[in-house]
Amino acid sequence: MHILDDIIVKILHQVFDRMKSATSDMIVGSACQKQMAFLQGDLKRVRTENTKANTDYESLKAEVLKAVQGKSALPMEVLNEVLEETRQRVFDTSRRVTESSSSCMVLTAWNRQTVSSKRWHSNPPQTLSAGIYRPTEILAVQ
C-alpha cells in the first residue's frame, strides 16, 4: 500500500508542476479557442437550419402558386398555415445566424485586442521627456 501511495503522490506532483508552468495566457487562450470552436460549430448548425428553412419556404411558395392556378391537391388554407410557420422559422433561424455571427466577431475582436495589448505591454515604445512617445515607435509596436 505504501508503494501505491508514493506513486500517487508522484503523479499528483507532476500534475501540479504542469499547472504551475501553465501561464495565464495559455489558460485564457485555451478557453478562448474552446469557446470559438463552440461558436463556429453553432454558427454552422444554425446556417444549415436556415438554408433548409429557406428551401422549404421556397418550395411552399411554389405550391401556393400551383394552388392559386388550381393545379395543387392541397387546400389553400393548409398551405397558408404551413407557409406562415415556415416563414417564421426562416425569420428565427436568420436571427440566430446573425446572433451567432456577432458572437464570433466579438470573440475574434476581443482576442485580437488581447494579443495586441500583450505585445504593447511586452515591448512598450521608448518615451521622450515628459512621457511623449515617438510616432514611429508607436506604429512599430502595433
Protein backbone atom coordinates (compact mmCIF):
# COMPACT_ATOMS: atom_id res chain seq x y z
CA MET A 1 0.00 0.00 0.00
CA HIS A 2 2.88 2.34 0.78
CA ILE A 3 4.30 1.93 -2.76
CA LEU A 4 0.93 2.82 -4.27
CA ASP A 5 0.75 5.98 -2.11
CA ASP A 6 4.20 7.05 -3.33
CA ILE A 7 3.18 6.56 -6.96
CA ILE A 8 0.01 8.61 -6.47
CA VAL A 9 1.94 11.39 -4.74
CA LYS A 10 4.45 11.50 -7.61
CA ILE A 11 1.66 11.69 -10.17
CA LEU A 12 -0.05 14.49 -8.25
CA HIS A 13 3.20 16.41 -8.03
CA GLN A 14 3.69 16.07 -11.78
CA VAL A 15 0.17 17.34 -12.44
CA PHE A 16 0.62 20.34 -10.15
CA ASP A 17 4.03 21.11 -11.64
CA ARG A 18 2.43 21.25 -15.07
CA MET A 19 -0.30 23.50 -13.70
CA LYS A 20 2.31 25.86 -12.27
CA SER A 21 4.09 26.07 -15.60
CA ALA A 22 0.89 27.00 -17.45
CA THR A 23 0.71 30.75 -17.86
CA SER A 24 -2.50 32.70 -17.67
CA ASP A 25 -2.11 33.39 -21.40
CA MET A 26 -2.16 29.66 -22.10
CA ILE A 27 -5.24 29.14 -19.95
CA VAL A 28 -7.12 32.10 -21.43
CA GLY A 29 -6.04 31.15 -24.94
CA SER A 30 -7.24 27.60 -24.48
CA ALA A 31 -10.59 28.77 -23.11
CA CYS A 32 -10.90 31.25 -25.98
CA GLN A 33 -10.17 28.53 -28.54
CA LYS A 34 -12.77 26.22 -26.99
CA GLN A 35 -15.37 28.98 -26.98
CA MET A 36 -14.57 29.90 -30.59
CA ALA A 37 -14.86 26.26 -31.68
CA PHE A 38 -18.23 26.02 -29.93
CA LEU A 39 -19.47 29.26 -31.53
CA GLN A 40 -18.28 28.23 -35.00
CA GLY A 41 -20.00 24.85 -34.65
CA ASP A 42 -23.18 26.54 -33.51
CA LEU A 43 -22.98 29.00 -36.41
CA LYS A 44 -22.53 26.17 -38.91
CA ARG A 45 -25.51 24.28 -37.47
CA VAL A 46 -27.73 27.37 -37.49
CA ARG A 47 -26.73 28.22 -41.07
CA THR A 48 -27.70 24.69 -42.12
CA GLU A 49 -31.08 25.05 -40.40
CA ASN A 50 -31.56 28.43 -42.10
CA THR A 51 -30.73 27.02 -45.52
CA LYS A 52 -33.21 24.18 -45.02
CA ALA A 53 -35.91 26.58 -43.82
CA ASN A 54 -35.35 28.81 -46.87
CA THR A 55 -35.56 25.81 -49.20
CA ASP A 56 -38.80 24.66 -47.54
CA TYR A 57 -40.21 28.18 -47.77
CA GLU A 58 -39.42 28.46 -51.48
CA SER A 59 -40.98 25.08 -52.26
CA LEU A 60 -44.12 26.04 -50.30
CA LYS A 61 -44.38 29.31 -52.20
CA ALA A 62 -44.26 27.32 -55.43
CA GLU A 63 -47.01 25.04 -54.11
CA VAL A 64 -49.16 28.06 -53.19
CA LEU A 65 -48.73 29.32 -56.74
CA LYS A 66 -49.93 25.93 -58.01
CA ALA A 67 -52.91 26.13 -55.64
CA VAL A 68 -53.81 29.58 -56.97
CA GLN A 69 -53.66 28.17 -60.51
CA GLY A 70 -55.80 25.21 -59.41
CA LYS A 71 -53.09 22.62 -60.01
CA SER A 72 -52.39 21.66 -56.36
CA ALA A 73 -54.13 18.86 -54.47
CA LEU A 74 -53.59 20.63 -51.13
CA PRO A 75 -56.18 23.05 -49.77
CA MET A 76 -55.17 26.72 -49.78
CA GLU A 77 -55.85 27.14 -46.03
CA VAL A 78 -53.43 24.36 -45.12
CA LEU A 79 -50.79 25.74 -47.45
CA ASN A 80 -51.13 29.23 -45.98
CA GLU A 81 -50.79 27.90 -42.43
CA VAL A 82 -47.72 25.81 -43.26
CA LEU A 83 -46.24 28.69 -45.26
CA GLU A 84 -46.65 31.05 -42.29
CA GLU A 85 -44.98 28.55 -39.93
CA THR A 86 -42.10 28.08 -42.33
CA ARG A 87 -41.76 31.83 -42.82
CA GLN A 88 -41.50 32.28 -39.05
CA ARG A 89 -38.87 29.53 -38.92
CA VAL A 90 -36.87 31.36 -41.62
CA PHE A 91 -37.01 34.58 -39.57
CA ASP A 92 -36.00 32.78 -36.37
CA THR A 93 -33.06 30.97 -37.94
CA SER A 94 -31.93 34.16 -39.69
CA ARG A 95 -31.93 35.97 -36.34
CA ARG A 96 -29.93 33.13 -34.77
CA VAL A 97 -27.42 33.23 -37.64
CA THR A 98 -26.97 36.96 -37.05
CA GLU A 99 -26.53 36.45 -33.29
CA SER A 100 -24.03 33.62 -33.75
CA SER A 101 -22.05 35.61 -36.32
CA SER A 102 -21.97 38.58 -33.97
CA SER A 103 -20.74 36.41 -31.11
CA CYS A 104 -17.93 35.03 -33.28
CA MET A 105 -16.94 38.53 -34.38
CA VAL A 106 -16.94 39.85 -30.80
CA LEU A 107 -14.78 36.98 -29.58
CA THR A 108 -12.39 37.41 -32.51
CA ALA A 109 -12.10 41.15 -31.86
CA TRP A 110 -11.54 40.55 -28.15
CA ASN A 111 -8.83 38.00 -28.93
CA ARG A 112 -7.07 40.40 -31.34
CA GLN A 113 -7.25 43.21 -28.80
CA THR A 114 -5.81 40.95 -26.11
CA VAL A 115 -2.93 39.88 -28.35
CA SER A 116 -2.25 43.49 -29.37
CA SER A 117 -2.33 44.59 -25.74
CA LYS A 118 0.12 41.85 -24.76
CA ARG A 119 2.52 42.95 -27.49
CA TRP A 120 2.26 46.55 -26.33
CA HIS A 121 2.97 45.66 -22.69
CA SER A 122 5.82 43.30 -23.51
CA ASN A 123 7.54 45.80 -25.80
CA PRO A 124 6.42 49.37 -24.96
CA PRO A 125 7.86 52.21 -27.04
CA GLN A 126 10.55 54.41 -25.53
CA THR A 127 9.37 57.77 -24.29
CA LEU A 128 10.89 61.16 -24.82
CA SER A 129 10.88 63.63 -21.98
CA ALA A 130 7.52 64.24 -20.26
CA GLY A 131 6.15 60.85 -21.41
CA ILE A 132 5.80 61.73 -25.10
CA TYR A 133 6.12 58.79 -27.50
CA ARG A 134 7.86 58.99 -30.82
CA PRO A 135 5.23 58.34 -33.53
CA THR A 136 7.41 55.83 -35.35
CA GLU A 137 7.81 53.79 -32.17
CA ILE A 138 4.08 53.63 -31.59
CA LEU A 139 3.47 52.47 -35.15
CA ALA A 140 6.25 49.89 -34.93
CA VAL A 141 4.72 48.29 -31.82
CA GLN A 142 1.28 47.93 -33.37
